[in-house]
Amino acid sequence: MAFSHPAEKINFLHSGIKNKQIHGEMTDTYHRLLAGEGKEKADAFLSTHALAIHLTPFGGCTHDFSQAPCEKHLQCWNGCSHLLRTHLPRETERIEKQLRLTQRLAEKMKAEADGAYGSERWRQDSERKIDHLQKALGMPRGDSPTPVFPDGKPVTVAEHMKKGSSVK
């Protein structure tokens, strides 16, 4: 997505949230505020918090980094609800490359580490990522960014969603 000005990027994000073309916590919060508090409060929320869609080599991310960092590099392929296919130039090529690398890694682990402590967990993780990468590649091209895992779970959880702990 080529934006000639930061305002274009913000307008794109705000429009996607308002039209529910972009999914995630920001969209849910906007529509909850719209229904409960009215348009003025909902739009104020967007102006304050929805300032960026993060473009990655594999698509877009709608995670609100002002709320919490993304704690796991590339774990978006494990079903993160923030991951979007943007269909930007070369995105498909980069996903195909990631798929090939992950497949080679899985083959190497099977050949060299089969039976080693923890290898089963790594094998399952690789297989899940392979399935998810293939799913993303099979998605039809849309007019707007499309969630790869609309029913997925965010990798990071906002502070208000975390359960309390006796250990601080």
Protein backbone atom coordinates (compact mmCIF):
# COMPACT_ATOMS: atom_id res chain seq x y z
CA MET A 1 0.00 0.00 0.00
CA ALA A 2 1.59 3.21 -1.11
CA PHE A 3 0.44 6.21 0.87
CA SER A 4 1.74 9.58 -0.25
CA HIS A 5 1.03 11.18 3.11
CA PRO A 6 0.56 9.85 6.68
CA ALA A 7 -2.98 11.25 6.68
CA GLU A 8 -3.89 8.86 3.83
CA LYS A 9 -2.76 5.91 5.93
CA ILE A 10 -4.76 7.09 8.95
CA ASN A 11 -7.86 7.73 6.80
CA PHE A 12 -7.49 4.23 5.33
CA LEU A 13 -7.31 2.72 8.83
CA HIS A 14 -10.22 4.77 10.22
CA SER A 15 -12.42 3.92 7.25
CA GLY A 16 -11.59 0.21 7.58
CA ILE A 17 -12.46 0.27 11.29
CA LYS A 18 -15.72 2.15 10.77
CA ASN A 19 -16.80 -0.20 7.96
CA LYS A 20 -15.62 -3.32 9.87
CA GLN A 21 -13.25 -4.20 7.03
CA ILE A 22 -10.41 -4.27 9.55
CA HIS A 23 -10.86 -6.57 12.50
CA GLY A 24 -9.39 -6.53 15.96
CA GLU A 25 -9.53 -4.86 19.31
CA MET A 26 -9.55 -1.30 17.95
CA THR A 27 -12.53 -2.06 15.72
CA ASP A 28 -14.39 -3.78 18.56
CA THR A 29 -13.71 -0.86 20.91
CA TYR A 30 -14.80 1.72 18.32
CA HIS A 31 -18.12 -0.02 17.69
CA ARG A 32 -18.70 -0.60 21.41
CA LEU A 33 -18.18 3.13 22.04
CA LEU A 34 -20.34 4.04 19.06
CA ALA A 35 -23.23 1.95 20.38
CA GLY A 36 -22.86 2.95 24.03
CA GLU A 37 -21.39 6.46 24.07
CA GLY A 38 -22.17 7.89 20.63
CA LYS A 39 -20.30 8.97 17.51
CA GLU A 40 -18.37 11.82 19.15
CA LYS A 41 -16.73 9.54 21.77
CA ALA A 42 -16.09 6.78 19.22
CA ASP A 43 -14.45 9.21 16.78
CA ALA A 44 -12.37 10.71 19.61
CA PHE A 45 -11.14 7.20 20.40
CA LEU A 46 -10.07 6.72 16.76
CA SER A 47 -8.32 10.08 16.68
CA THR A 48 -6.37 9.19 19.83
CA HIS A 49 -5.61 5.50 19.45
CA ALA A 50 -6.07 4.29 15.87
CA LEU A 51 -3.14 6.03 14.24
CA ALA A 52 -1.43 3.23 12.38
CA ILE A 53 -1.72 -0.03 10.57
CA HIS A 54 1.66 -1.67 10.72
CA LEU A 55 2.77 -3.02 7.38
CA THR A 56 4.88 -6.15 7.63
CA PRO A 57 6.57 -8.25 4.94
CA PHE A 58 3.61 -10.67 5.19
CA GLY A 59 0.65 -8.26 5.36
CA GLY A 60 -0.67 -5.80 7.90
CA CYS A 61 -1.00 -5.84 11.66
CA THR A 62 -3.70 -4.00 13.59
CA HIS A 63 -2.21 -4.66 17.04
CA ASP A 64 -2.27 -1.52 19.19
CA PHE A 65 1.36 -1.23 20.23
CA SER A 66 0.47 1.62 22.59
CA GLN A 67 -1.37 -0.95 24.76
CA ALA A 68 1.16 -3.78 24.78
CA PRO A 69 4.16 -4.94 22.76
CA CYS A 70 3.96 -7.93 20.49
CA GLU A 71 5.85 -10.42 22.58
CA LYS A 72 6.58 -13.08 19.95
CA HIS A 73 8.31 -12.50 16.63
CA LEU A 74 6.41 -14.07 13.72
CA GLN A 75 3.90 -15.83 15.92
CA CYS A 76 1.23 -14.14 13.83
CA TRP A 77 1.24 -17.38 11.79
CA ASN A 78 -0.10 -19.22 14.84
CA GLY A 79 -3.55 -17.71 14.33
CA CYS A 80 -3.17 -14.10 15.50
CA SER A 81 -6.35 -12.11 14.88
CA HIS A 82 -4.32 -8.97 14.09
CA LEU A 83 -2.82 -10.37 10.85
CA LEU A 84 -4.25 -9.06 7.56
CA ARG A 85 -3.53 -9.90 3.94
CA THR A 86 -3.04 -6.55 2.22
CA HIS A 87 -2.09 -7.97 -1.21
CA LEU A 88 0.65 -5.40 -1.55
CA PRO A 89 3.25 -6.04 -4.25
CA ARG A 90 5.56 -8.96 -3.35
CA GLU A 91 3.51 -9.95 -0.25
CA THR A 92 2.55 -13.30 -1.81
CA GLU A 93 6.15 -13.89 -2.85
CA ARG A 94 7.38 -13.30 0.72
CA ILE A 95 4.71 -15.62 2.16
CA GLU A 96 5.70 -18.32 -0.36
CA LYS A 97 9.35 -17.90 0.67
CA GLN A 98 8.41 -18.17 4.37
CA LEU A 99 6.42 -21.32 3.58
CA ARG A 100 9.41 -22.92 1.81
CA LEU A 101 11.74 -22.00 4.68
CA THR A 102 9.33 -23.42 7.26
CA GLN A 103 8.87 -26.62 5.25
CA ARG A 104 12.66 -27.08 4.99
CA LEU A 105 13.01 -26.45 8.72
CA ALA A 106 10.33 -29.05 9.49
CA GLU A 107 12.06 -31.61 7.24
CA LYS A 108 15.44 -30.91 8.83
CA MET A 109 14.02 -31.19 12.35
CA LYS A 110 12.37 -34.50 11.48
CA ALA A 111 15.61 -35.87 10.02
CA GLU A 112 17.98 -34.58 12.68
CA ALA A 113 16.02 -34.08 15.89
CA ASP A 114 13.24 -36.67 15.78
CA GLY A 115 12.80 -38.04 19.31
CA ALA A 116 14.92 -35.37 20.97
CA TYR A 117 13.45 -33.61 24.00
CA GLY A 118 10.99 -30.94 22.86
CA SER A 119 11.19 -31.88 19.19
CA GLU A 120 7.53 -32.90 19.06
CA ARG A 121 6.42 -29.43 20.18
CA TRP A 122 8.62 -27.75 17.56
CA ARG A 123 7.36 -30.14 14.88
CA GLN A 124 3.72 -29.37 15.75
CA ASP A 125 4.44 -25.63 15.75
CA SER A 126 6.07 -25.87 12.31
CA GLU A 127 3.18 -27.91 10.91
CA ARG A 128 0.66 -25.37 12.24
CA LYS A 129 2.60 -22.52 10.64
CA ILE A 130 2.79 -24.42 7.33
CA ASP A 131 -0.99 -24.92 7.36
CA HIS A 132 -1.58 -21.25 8.17
CA LEU A 133 0.85 -20.01 5.51
CA GLN A 134 -0.91 -22.20 2.94
CA LYS A 135 -4.27 -20.80 4.08
CA ALA A 136 -3.02 -17.24 3.60
CA LEU A 137 -1.76 -18.07 0.11
CA GLY A 138 -5.15 -19.54 -0.80
CA MET A 139 -7.09 -16.43 0.21
CA PRO A 140 -8.83 -14.60 -2.64
CA ARG A 141 -7.66 -11.08 -3.32
CA GLY A 142 -10.03 -8.58 -1.70
CA ASP A 143 -10.69 -4.88 -2.15
CA SER A 144 -9.41 -4.16 1.34
CA PRO A 145 -7.10 -5.81 3.86
CA THR A 146 -8.56 -9.17 4.81
CA PRO A 147 -8.07 -10.87 8.19
CA VAL A 148 -6.20 -14.15 7.78
CA PHE A 149 -7.60 -15.51 11.06
CA PRO A 150 -10.86 -13.63 11.75
CA ASP A 151 -11.67 -16.03 14.60
CA GLY A 152 -8.08 -16.15 15.81
CA LYS A 153 -6.69 -14.97 19.10
CA PRO A 154 -4.44 -11.97 19.48
CA VAL A 155 -0.89 -12.99 20.37
CA THR A 156 -0.76 -10.21 22.95
CA VAL A 157 -3.57 -9.46 25.34
CA ALA A 158 -4.52 -5.92 26.38
CA GLU A 159 -4.04 -5.07 30.05
CA HIS A 160 -7.79 -4.89 30.74
CA MET A 161 -8.20 -8.46 29.41
CA LYS A 162 -5.47 -10.02 31.57
CA LYS A 163 -6.40 -12.05 34.61
CA GLY A 164 -5.08 -10.90 37.96
CA SER A 165 -2.22 -12.66 39.63
CA SER A 166 -1.03 -12.97 43.18
CA VAL A 167 2.53 -12.74 41.84
CA LYS A 168 3.49 -9.19 40.83
